[in-house]
Amino acid sequence: MQKLLSFFTVMLSVVLILGACQSASEDSDSESHEMTSAEQQPMQSPQMQGEASPQMELTDEDLIQLNEINIELQEVQNTASDKFMATIEEKGMTSEEYQQLSQQLEAGAGDQITESQVNAMEEINSEMMNLRVEMQEEMETVLEEHGYTMERFQEMSMIISQSPEYQQRFMELQSN
């Protein structure tokens, strides 16, 4: 069950990270905005509108390969997380301090933050955006190496998340 939870956590993180990176890049590239909308629609439409998505059949080979991809994506995420933490620490902060400052800025309490803290936050955020882009590229490379597109990975992950039978089979194959 832990492996299944890990799979869904990685899948959700991939979607969120790639979505965040695409959102950031769409500010500078209107073509990217069009592509983001087209990429997100297949995933959002069935869920949000309650439509039944055409279910593809997943083979044991598909499930095994998704598990392998999941492991590799988890490694990419762990590496990125380490880099995020190192970036924060390089600026003389802990992750807790960074989170508190971020929350203060979001809440409009920026007057309680020193100029040096604001400068450090800007540098950290800039570096984190670069790290997110790097992580996105690494995740896309992992998927491509396995012959998957992000859309196909998302679709297959969604099918597993919506099907108790696939979830059970996925867990069985992981334990073998």
N, C-alpha and C. Protein backbone atom coordinates (compact mmCIF):
# COMPACT_ATOMS: atom_id res chain seq x y z
N MET A 1 0.83 -1.19 0.00
CA MET A 1 0.00 0.00 0.00
C MET A 1 0.87 1.26 0.00
N GLN A 2 2.01 1.19 0.73
CA GLN A 2 2.93 2.33 0.79
C GLN A 2 3.46 2.66 -0.61
N LYS A 3 3.77 1.62 -1.40
CA LYS A 3 4.28 1.86 -2.74
C LYS A 3 3.23 2.50 -3.62
N LEU A 4 1.98 2.11 -3.45
CA LEU A 4 0.90 2.70 -4.23
C LEU A 4 0.73 4.16 -3.85
N LEU A 5 0.79 4.45 -2.56
CA LEU A 5 0.70 5.83 -2.11
C LEU A 5 1.87 6.65 -2.65
N SER A 6 3.05 6.05 -2.63
CA SER A 6 4.23 6.72 -3.18
C SER A 6 4.04 7.01 -4.67
N PHE A 7 3.48 6.05 -5.39
CA PHE A 7 3.23 6.24 -6.82
C PHE A 7 2.32 7.44 -7.06
N PHE A 8 1.21 7.50 -6.31
CA PHE A 8 0.26 8.59 -6.50
C PHE A 8 0.85 9.92 -6.07
N THR A 9 1.69 9.90 -5.05
CA THR A 9 2.35 11.13 -4.61
C THR A 9 3.28 11.64 -5.70
N VAL A 10 4.06 10.75 -6.28
CA VAL A 10 4.98 11.14 -7.36
C VAL A 10 4.19 11.63 -8.56
N MET A 11 3.15 10.91 -8.92
CA MET A 11 2.33 11.30 -10.07
C MET A 11 1.75 12.69 -9.87
N LEU A 12 1.20 12.95 -8.69
CA LEU A 12 0.63 14.26 -8.40
C LEU A 12 1.71 15.33 -8.42
N SER A 13 2.86 15.02 -7.86
CA SER A 13 3.96 15.98 -7.85
C SER A 13 4.42 16.31 -9.26
N VAL A 14 4.51 15.30 -10.10
CA VAL A 14 4.92 15.52 -11.49
C VAL A 14 3.94 16.47 -12.17
N VAL A 15 2.66 16.20 -11.99
CA VAL A 15 1.64 17.05 -12.61
C VAL A 15 1.74 18.47 -12.08
N LEU A 16 1.88 18.62 -10.77
CA LEU A 16 1.96 19.96 -10.17
C LEU A 16 3.23 20.69 -10.58
N ILE A 17 4.34 19.99 -10.56
CA ILE A 17 5.61 20.63 -10.91
C ILE A 17 5.62 21.05 -12.37
N LEU A 18 5.20 20.15 -13.23
CA LEU A 18 5.18 20.51 -14.65
C LEU A 18 4.16 21.60 -14.91
N GLY A 19 3.05 21.57 -14.21
CA GLY A 19 2.06 22.64 -14.35
C GLY A 19 2.61 23.97 -13.89
N ALA A 20 3.33 23.97 -12.76
CA ALA A 20 3.92 25.21 -12.24
C ALA A 20 4.98 25.75 -13.19
N CYS A 21 5.80 24.85 -13.71
CA CYS A 21 6.84 25.29 -14.66
C CYS A 21 6.21 25.83 -15.93
N GLN A 22 5.17 25.18 -16.39
CA GLN A 22 4.51 25.64 -17.61
C GLN A 22 3.82 26.98 -17.36
N SER A 23 3.23 27.16 -16.18
CA SER A 23 2.57 28.43 -15.86
C SER A 23 3.58 29.55 -15.83
N ALA A 24 4.75 29.27 -15.26
CA ALA A 24 5.78 30.30 -15.20
C ALA A 24 6.28 30.66 -16.59
N SER A 25 6.41 29.67 -17.45
CA SER A 25 6.94 29.95 -18.78
C SER A 25 5.89 30.57 -19.69
N GLU A 26 4.62 30.43 -19.37
CA GLU A 26 3.60 30.98 -20.26
C GLU A 26 3.54 32.50 -20.18
N ASP A 27 4.09 33.08 -19.12
CA ASP A 27 4.15 34.53 -19.03
C ASP A 27 5.01 35.12 -20.15
N SER A 28 6.03 34.37 -20.54
CA SER A 28 6.93 34.89 -21.56
C SER A 28 6.68 34.30 -22.95
N ASP A 29 5.77 33.34 -23.06
CA ASP A 29 5.58 32.69 -24.34
C ASP A 29 4.12 32.31 -24.51
N SER A 30 3.41 33.03 -25.35
CA SER A 30 1.98 32.76 -25.52
C SER A 30 1.72 31.40 -26.16
N GLU A 31 2.64 30.89 -26.98
CA GLU A 31 2.47 29.57 -27.55
C GLU A 31 2.50 28.52 -26.45
N SER A 32 3.32 28.75 -25.45
CA SER A 32 3.39 27.82 -24.33
C SER A 32 2.05 27.79 -23.60
N HIS A 33 1.38 28.93 -23.50
CA HIS A 33 0.07 28.98 -22.85
C HIS A 33 -0.93 28.12 -23.59
N GLU A 34 -0.92 28.21 -24.91
CA GLU A 34 -1.83 27.38 -25.69
C GLU A 34 -1.54 25.91 -25.50
N MET A 35 -0.28 25.54 -25.45
CA MET A 35 0.09 24.16 -25.28
C MET A 35 -0.31 23.68 -23.88
N THR A 36 -0.12 24.52 -22.87
CA THR A 36 -0.50 24.15 -21.51
C THR A 36 -1.97 23.86 -21.44
N SER A 37 -2.80 24.70 -22.01
CA SER A 37 -4.24 24.47 -21.98
C SER A 37 -4.60 23.17 -22.67
N ALA A 38 -3.98 22.90 -23.79
CA ALA A 38 -4.28 21.67 -24.52
C ALA A 38 -3.80 20.45 -23.75
N GLU A 39 -2.64 20.58 -23.08
CA GLU A 39 -2.11 19.46 -22.33
C GLU A 39 -2.94 19.17 -21.09
N GLN A 40 -3.44 20.22 -20.45
CA GLN A 40 -4.17 20.02 -19.21
C GLN A 40 -5.58 19.53 -19.45
N GLN A 41 -6.19 19.86 -20.54
CA GLN A 41 -7.58 19.52 -20.78
C GLN A 41 -7.87 18.03 -20.71
N PRO A 42 -7.07 17.14 -21.34
CA PRO A 42 -7.42 15.73 -21.24
C PRO A 42 -7.45 15.23 -19.81
N MET A 43 -6.59 15.78 -18.97
CA MET A 43 -6.55 15.32 -17.59
C MET A 43 -7.67 15.94 -16.77
N GLN A 44 -7.99 17.19 -16.97
CA GLN A 44 -8.96 17.88 -16.16
C GLN A 44 -10.39 17.59 -16.60
N SER A 45 -10.62 17.49 -17.85
CA SER A 45 -11.97 17.40 -18.36
C SER A 45 -12.77 16.24 -17.79
N PRO A 46 -12.28 14.99 -17.86
CA PRO A 46 -13.09 13.90 -17.33
C PRO A 46 -13.36 14.04 -15.83
N GLN A 47 -12.36 14.45 -15.08
CA GLN A 47 -12.52 14.56 -13.65
C GLN A 47 -13.47 15.69 -13.28
N MET A 48 -13.26 16.84 -13.86
CA MET A 48 -14.00 18.01 -13.46
C MET A 48 -15.44 17.97 -13.97
N GLN A 49 -15.64 17.41 -15.12
CA GLN A 49 -16.98 17.41 -15.69
C GLN A 49 -17.72 16.11 -15.39
N GLY A 50 -17.05 15.17 -14.76
CA GLY A 50 -17.69 13.92 -14.42
C GLY A 50 -17.94 13.01 -15.60
N GLU A 51 -17.32 13.27 -16.71
CA GLU A 51 -17.49 12.42 -17.90
C GLU A 51 -16.69 11.14 -17.71
N ALA A 52 -17.16 10.09 -18.31
CA ALA A 52 -16.41 8.84 -18.30
C ALA A 52 -15.33 8.93 -19.37
N SER A 53 -14.08 8.78 -18.95
CA SER A 53 -13.01 8.82 -19.95
C SER A 53 -12.90 7.47 -20.61
N PRO A 54 -12.56 7.48 -21.89
CA PRO A 54 -12.39 6.19 -22.56
C PRO A 54 -11.21 5.48 -21.90
N GLN A 55 -11.48 4.33 -21.31
CA GLN A 55 -10.46 3.60 -20.57
C GLN A 55 -9.62 2.75 -21.50
N MET A 56 -8.33 2.95 -21.44
CA MET A 56 -7.43 2.06 -22.15
C MET A 56 -7.15 0.87 -21.24
N GLU A 57 -6.85 -0.22 -21.82
CA GLU A 57 -6.50 -1.41 -21.06
C GLU A 57 -5.02 -1.34 -20.71
N LEU A 58 -4.70 -1.56 -19.45
CA LEU A 58 -3.32 -1.57 -19.01
C LEU A 58 -2.88 -3.01 -18.81
N THR A 59 -1.73 -3.32 -19.38
CA THR A 59 -1.18 -4.66 -19.25
C THR A 59 -0.27 -4.70 -18.02
N ASP A 60 0.11 -5.90 -17.62
CA ASP A 60 1.08 -6.04 -16.53
C ASP A 60 2.38 -5.32 -16.89
N GLU A 61 2.75 -5.40 -18.16
CA GLU A 61 3.97 -4.71 -18.61
C GLU A 61 3.84 -3.20 -18.41
N ASP A 62 2.67 -2.64 -18.71
CA ASP A 62 2.43 -1.22 -18.48
C ASP A 62 2.60 -0.88 -17.00
N LEU A 63 2.02 -1.70 -16.15
CA LEU A 63 2.07 -1.45 -14.71
C LEU A 63 3.49 -1.57 -14.18
N ILE A 64 4.23 -2.55 -14.66
CA ILE A 64 5.63 -2.72 -14.26
C ILE A 64 6.45 -1.51 -14.70
N GLN A 65 6.22 -1.08 -15.94
CA GLN A 65 6.96 0.07 -16.45
C GLN A 65 6.60 1.34 -15.68
N LEU A 66 5.33 1.51 -15.34
CA LEU A 66 4.93 2.67 -14.54
C LEU A 66 5.61 2.65 -13.18
N ASN A 67 5.78 1.49 -12.60
CA ASN A 67 6.49 1.38 -11.33
C ASN A 67 7.95 1.79 -11.50
N GLU A 68 8.59 1.33 -12.56
CA GLU A 68 9.98 1.71 -12.83
C GLU A 68 10.10 3.22 -13.03
N ILE A 69 9.17 3.79 -13.77
CA ILE A 69 9.16 5.23 -14.00
C ILE A 69 8.97 5.95 -12.66
N ASN A 70 8.06 5.45 -11.85
CA ASN A 70 7.79 6.05 -10.55
C ASN A 70 9.06 6.11 -9.70
N ILE A 71 9.82 5.02 -9.69
CA ILE A 71 11.06 4.97 -8.92
C ILE A 71 12.04 6.02 -9.42
N GLU A 72 12.19 6.13 -10.74
CA GLU A 72 13.11 7.11 -11.31
C GLU A 72 12.64 8.54 -11.05
N LEU A 73 11.34 8.78 -11.15
CA LEU A 73 10.82 10.12 -10.89
C LEU A 73 10.99 10.49 -9.41
N GLN A 74 10.85 9.51 -8.54
CA GLN A 74 11.06 9.76 -7.11
C GLN A 74 12.51 10.18 -6.86
N GLU A 75 13.44 9.54 -7.56
CA GLU A 75 14.85 9.91 -7.42
C GLU A 75 15.09 11.34 -7.90
N VAL A 76 14.46 11.71 -9.01
CA VAL A 76 14.58 13.08 -9.52
C VAL A 76 14.03 14.06 -8.49
N GLN A 77 12.87 13.73 -7.92
CA GLN A 77 12.27 14.60 -6.91
C GLN A 77 13.15 14.72 -5.67
N ASN A 78 13.71 13.62 -5.22
CA ASN A 78 14.58 13.65 -4.04
C ASN A 78 15.81 14.52 -4.29
N THR A 79 16.40 14.38 -5.45
CA THR A 79 17.56 15.20 -5.80
C THR A 79 17.18 16.67 -5.83
N ALA A 80 16.03 16.99 -6.44
CA ALA A 80 15.57 18.37 -6.51
C ALA A 80 15.28 18.91 -5.12
N SER A 81 14.69 18.11 -4.28
CA SER A 81 14.40 18.53 -2.91
C SER A 81 15.69 18.87 -2.16
N ASP A 82 16.70 18.03 -2.35
CA ASP A 82 18.01 18.31 -1.74
C ASP A 82 18.58 19.62 -2.24
N LYS A 83 18.44 19.87 -3.54
CA LYS A 83 18.94 21.11 -4.12
C LYS A 83 18.15 22.32 -3.60
N PHE A 84 16.83 22.15 -3.45
CA PHE A 84 16.00 23.23 -2.90
C PHE A 84 16.49 23.58 -1.49
N MET A 85 16.70 22.55 -0.67
CA MET A 85 17.15 22.78 0.70
C MET A 85 18.52 23.44 0.73
N ALA A 86 19.41 22.99 -0.13
CA ALA A 86 20.75 23.58 -0.18
C ALA A 86 20.68 25.05 -0.58
N THR A 87 19.80 25.38 -1.50
CA THR A 87 19.64 26.77 -1.93
C THR A 87 19.19 27.64 -0.77
N ILE A 88 18.24 27.15 -0.01
CA ILE A 88 17.74 27.91 1.15
C ILE A 88 18.85 28.09 2.18
N GLU A 89 19.55 27.00 2.46
CA GLU A 89 20.62 27.05 3.46
C GLU A 89 21.77 27.94 3.02
N GLU A 90 22.06 27.99 1.71
CA GLU A 90 23.13 28.86 1.21
C GLU A 90 22.83 30.33 1.49
N LYS A 91 21.56 30.65 1.62
CA LYS A 91 21.16 32.04 1.91
C LYS A 91 21.01 32.27 3.41
N GLY A 92 21.46 31.30 4.22
CA GLY A 92 21.46 31.46 5.66
C GLY A 92 20.12 31.25 6.33
N MET A 93 19.23 30.51 5.71
CA MET A 93 17.91 30.25 6.28
C MET A 93 17.70 28.76 6.46
N THR A 94 16.73 28.45 7.31
CA THR A 94 16.23 27.08 7.40
C THR A 94 14.97 27.01 6.55
N SER A 95 14.53 25.81 6.27
CA SER A 95 13.30 25.68 5.48
C SER A 95 12.11 26.28 6.22
N GLU A 96 12.11 26.17 7.56
CA GLU A 96 11.02 26.74 8.35
C GLU A 96 11.01 28.27 8.23
N GLU A 97 12.20 28.87 8.31
CA GLU A 97 12.29 30.33 8.17
C GLU A 97 11.83 30.77 6.78
N TYR A 98 12.24 30.02 5.77
CA TYR A 98 11.83 30.34 4.40
C TYR A 98 10.31 30.27 4.27
N GLN A 99 9.72 29.22 4.81
CA GLN A 99 8.27 29.07 4.74
C GLN A 99 7.56 30.20 5.48
N GLN A 100 8.07 30.56 6.64
CA GLN A 100 7.45 31.65 7.40
C GLN A 100 7.52 32.97 6.64
N LEU A 101 8.68 33.25 6.07
CA LEU A 101 8.83 34.49 5.29
C LEU A 101 7.91 34.47 4.07
N SER A 102 7.81 33.34 3.42
CA SER A 102 6.92 33.22 2.26
C SER A 102 5.48 33.49 2.67
N GLN A 103 5.08 32.92 3.79
CA GLN A 103 3.71 33.13 4.27
C GLN A 103 3.47 34.58 4.65
N GLN A 104 4.46 35.21 5.25
CA GLN A 104 4.32 36.62 5.60
C GLN A 104 4.17 37.48 4.35
N LEU A 105 4.95 37.18 3.34
CA LEU A 105 4.86 37.95 2.10
C LEU A 105 3.50 37.74 1.43
N GLU A 106 3.02 36.50 1.42
CA GLU A 106 1.72 36.21 0.83
C GLU A 106 0.59 36.88 1.59
N ALA A 107 0.74 36.98 2.91
CA ALA A 107 -0.31 37.57 3.75
C ALA A 107 -0.25 39.09 3.75
N GLY A 108 0.74 39.65 3.05
CA GLY A 108 0.85 41.10 2.98
C GLY A 108 1.54 41.71 4.18
N ALA A 109 2.25 40.88 4.93
CA ALA A 109 2.98 41.37 6.11
C ALA A 109 4.44 41.63 5.77
N GLY A 110 4.69 42.09 4.56
CA GLY A 110 6.04 42.33 4.09
C GLY A 110 6.77 43.42 4.85
N ASP A 111 6.02 44.28 5.56
CA ASP A 111 6.66 45.36 6.32
C ASP A 111 7.41 44.82 7.54
N GLN A 112 7.19 43.57 7.90
CA GLN A 112 7.87 42.95 9.03
C GLN A 112 9.15 42.24 8.60
N ILE A 113 9.44 42.28 7.31
CA ILE A 113 10.59 41.57 6.76
C ILE A 113 11.65 42.59 6.38
N THR A 114 12.89 42.27 6.73
CA THR A 114 13.98 43.18 6.41
C THR A 114 14.31 43.14 4.93
N GLU A 115 15.01 44.17 4.49
CA GLU A 115 15.40 44.24 3.07
C GLU A 115 16.32 43.09 2.70
N SER A 116 17.22 42.71 3.60
CA SER A 116 18.12 41.59 3.30
C SER A 116 17.34 40.28 3.20
N GLN A 117 16.29 40.12 4.00
CA GLN A 117 15.46 38.93 3.90
C GLN A 117 14.71 38.91 2.57
N VAL A 118 14.20 40.06 2.16
CA VAL A 118 13.49 40.15 0.88
C VAL A 118 14.44 39.79 -0.26
N ASN A 119 15.66 40.35 -0.20
CA ASN A 119 16.65 40.05 -1.24
C ASN A 119 16.99 38.56 -1.27
N ALA A 120 17.16 37.97 -0.09
CA ALA A 120 17.47 36.54 -0.01
C ALA A 120 16.30 35.72 -0.58
N MET A 121 15.08 36.11 -0.25
CA MET A 121 13.90 35.40 -0.77
C MET A 121 13.84 35.49 -2.29
N GLU A 122 14.11 36.66 -2.84
CA GLU A 122 14.10 36.82 -4.29
C GLU A 122 15.15 35.94 -4.95
N GLU A 123 16.35 35.88 -4.35
CA GLU A 123 17.40 35.03 -4.90
C GLU A 123 17.03 33.55 -4.80
N ILE A 124 16.48 33.17 -3.66
CA ILE A 124 16.06 31.78 -3.48
C ILE A 124 14.97 31.42 -4.50
N ASN A 125 13.97 32.28 -4.62
CA ASN A 125 12.87 31.99 -5.54
C ASN A 125 13.34 31.90 -6.99
N SER A 126 14.28 32.76 -7.35
CA SER A 126 14.82 32.72 -8.70
C SER A 126 15.56 31.40 -8.94
N GLU A 127 16.39 31.02 -7.98
CA GLU A 127 17.13 29.77 -8.12
C GLU A 127 16.19 28.57 -8.11
N MET A 128 15.15 28.63 -7.30
CA MET A 128 14.19 27.53 -7.26
C MET A 128 13.45 27.39 -8.59
N MET A 129 13.15 28.50 -9.23
CA MET A 129 12.50 28.43 -10.54
C MET A 129 13.42 27.72 -11.53
N ASN A 130 14.71 28.05 -11.49
CA ASN A 130 15.67 27.37 -12.35
C ASN A 130 15.74 25.88 -12.04
N LEU A 131 15.72 25.54 -10.75
CA LEU A 131 15.75 24.14 -10.36
C LEU A 131 14.48 23.41 -10.79
N ARG A 132 13.34 24.08 -10.73
CA ARG A 132 12.09 23.46 -11.17
C ARG A 132 12.13 23.16 -12.67
N VAL A 133 12.67 24.10 -13.44
CA VAL A 133 12.79 23.89 -14.89
C VAL A 133 13.72 22.71 -15.15
N GLU A 134 14.82 22.67 -14.42
CA GLU A 134 15.77 21.56 -14.56
C GLU A 134 15.09 20.24 -14.20
N MET A 135 14.32 20.23 -13.12
CA MET A 135 13.62 19.02 -12.70
C MET A 135 12.57 18.61 -13.73
N GLN A 136 11.88 19.57 -14.28
CA GLN A 136 10.89 19.28 -15.32
C GLN A 136 11.56 18.60 -16.50
N GLU A 137 12.69 19.12 -16.92
CA GLU A 137 13.40 18.53 -18.05
C GLU A 137 13.86 17.11 -17.73
N GLU A 138 14.34 16.90 -16.50
CA GLU A 138 14.77 15.57 -16.10
C GLU A 138 13.60 14.59 -16.08
N MET A 139 12.46 15.05 -15.58
CA MET A 139 11.27 14.18 -15.53
C MET A 139 10.80 13.83 -16.94
N GLU A 140 10.80 14.82 -17.81
CA GLU A 140 10.39 14.56 -19.19
C GLU A 140 11.36 13.58 -19.86
N THR A 141 12.65 13.70 -19.54
CA THR A 141 13.64 12.78 -20.09
C THR A 141 13.38 11.36 -19.61
N VAL A 142 13.08 11.20 -18.32
CA VAL A 142 12.77 9.88 -17.78
C VAL A 142 11.59 9.28 -18.54
N LEU A 143 10.54 10.06 -18.72
CA LEU A 143 9.36 9.56 -19.43
C LEU A 143 9.70 9.20 -20.87
N GLU A 144 10.44 10.06 -21.55
CA GLU A 144 10.81 9.81 -22.93
C GLU A 144 11.67 8.55 -23.07
N GLU A 145 12.58 8.35 -22.11
CA GLU A 145 13.44 7.16 -22.14
C GLU A 145 12.62 5.87 -22.06
N HIS A 146 11.45 5.97 -21.44
CA HIS A 146 10.57 4.81 -21.33
C HIS A 146 9.51 4.80 -22.43
N GLY A 147 9.59 5.76 -23.34
CA GLY A 147 8.65 5.80 -24.46
C GLY A 147 7.30 6.41 -24.12
N TYR A 148 7.26 7.24 -23.10
CA TYR A 148 6.00 7.86 -22.69
C TYR A 148 6.03 9.37 -22.89
N THR A 149 4.88 9.91 -23.15
CA THR A 149 4.69 11.36 -23.09
C THR A 149 4.08 11.67 -21.73
N MET A 150 4.13 12.92 -21.34
CA MET A 150 3.52 13.32 -20.08
C MET A 150 2.02 13.02 -20.10
N GLU A 151 1.40 13.26 -21.23
CA GLU A 151 -0.04 13.03 -21.33
C GLU A 151 -0.38 11.56 -21.13
N ARG A 152 0.39 10.69 -21.75
CA ARG A 152 0.14 9.24 -21.61
C ARG A 152 0.38 8.80 -20.18
N PHE A 153 1.45 9.29 -19.57
CA PHE A 153 1.74 8.95 -18.17
C PHE A 153 0.61 9.41 -17.27
N GLN A 154 0.13 10.63 -17.48
CA GLN A 154 -0.97 11.15 -16.67
C GLN A 154 -2.24 10.32 -16.87
N GLU A 155 -2.53 9.97 -18.11
CA GLU A 155 -3.73 9.19 -18.40
C GLU A 155 -3.65 7.82 -17.74
N MET A 156 -2.51 7.16 -17.85
CA MET A 156 -2.36 5.83 -17.26
C MET A 156 -2.41 5.91 -15.73
N SER A 157 -1.80 6.93 -15.18
CA SER A 157 -1.84 7.11 -13.73
C SER A 157 -3.25 7.36 -13.24
N MET A 158 -4.00 8.14 -14.01
CA MET A 158 -5.39 8.41 -13.64
C MET A 158 -6.22 7.13 -13.70
N ILE A 159 -5.99 6.33 -14.71
CA ILE A 159 -6.73 5.07 -14.83
C ILE A 159 -6.47 4.20 -13.60
N ILE A 160 -5.20 4.12 -13.20
CA ILE A 160 -4.87 3.32 -12.01
C ILE A 160 -5.54 3.90 -10.78
N SER A 161 -5.49 5.22 -10.63
CA SER A 161 -6.06 5.84 -9.43
C SER A 161 -7.57 5.66 -9.34
N GLN A 162 -8.24 5.46 -10.47
CA GLN A 162 -9.69 5.33 -10.49
C GLN A 162 -10.17 3.88 -10.50
N SER A 163 -9.24 2.95 -10.55
CA SER A 163 -9.62 1.54 -10.67
C SER A 163 -9.04 0.71 -9.53
N PRO A 164 -9.89 0.22 -8.63
CA PRO A 164 -9.39 -0.65 -7.56
C PRO A 164 -8.70 -1.91 -8.10
N GLU A 165 -9.17 -2.40 -9.24
CA GLU A 165 -8.55 -3.60 -9.82
C GLU A 165 -7.11 -3.32 -10.26
N TYR A 166 -6.90 -2.18 -10.93
CA TYR A 166 -5.55 -1.83 -11.35
C TYR A 166 -4.67 -1.52 -10.14
N GLN A 167 -5.23 -0.88 -9.13
CA GLN A 167 -4.47 -0.58 -7.92
C GLN A 167 -3.99 -1.88 -7.28
N GLN A 168 -4.88 -2.85 -7.18
CA GLN A 168 -4.53 -4.15 -6.59
C GLN A 168 -3.44 -4.83 -7.42
N ARG A 169 -3.61 -4.84 -8.71
CA ARG A 169 -2.62 -5.48 -9.59
C ARG A 169 -1.29 -4.76 -9.53
N PHE A 170 -1.33 -3.44 -9.47
CA PHE A 170 -0.12 -2.62 -9.38
C PHE A 170 0.66 -3.00 -8.11
N MET A 171 -0.05 -3.12 -6.99
CA MET A 171 0.60 -3.49 -5.73
C MET A 171 1.17 -4.90 -5.79
N GLU A 172 0.43 -5.82 -6.41
CA GLU A 172 0.91 -7.20 -6.54
C GLU A 172 2.19 -7.24 -7.36
N LEU A 173 2.23 -6.52 -8.44
CA LEU A 173 3.42 -6.52 -9.29
C LEU A 173 4.61 -5.86 -8.60
N GLN A 174 4.36 -4.88 -7.76
CA GLN A 174 5.45 -4.23 -7.04
C GLN A 174 6.08 -5.16 -6.02
N SER A 175 5.28 -6.02 -5.43
CA SER A 175 5.80 -6.92 -4.40
C SER A 175 6.56 -8.11 -4.99
N ASN A 176 6.43 -8.34 -6.28
CA ASN A 176 7.14 -9.47 -6.90
C ASN A 176 8.55 -9.12 -7.27
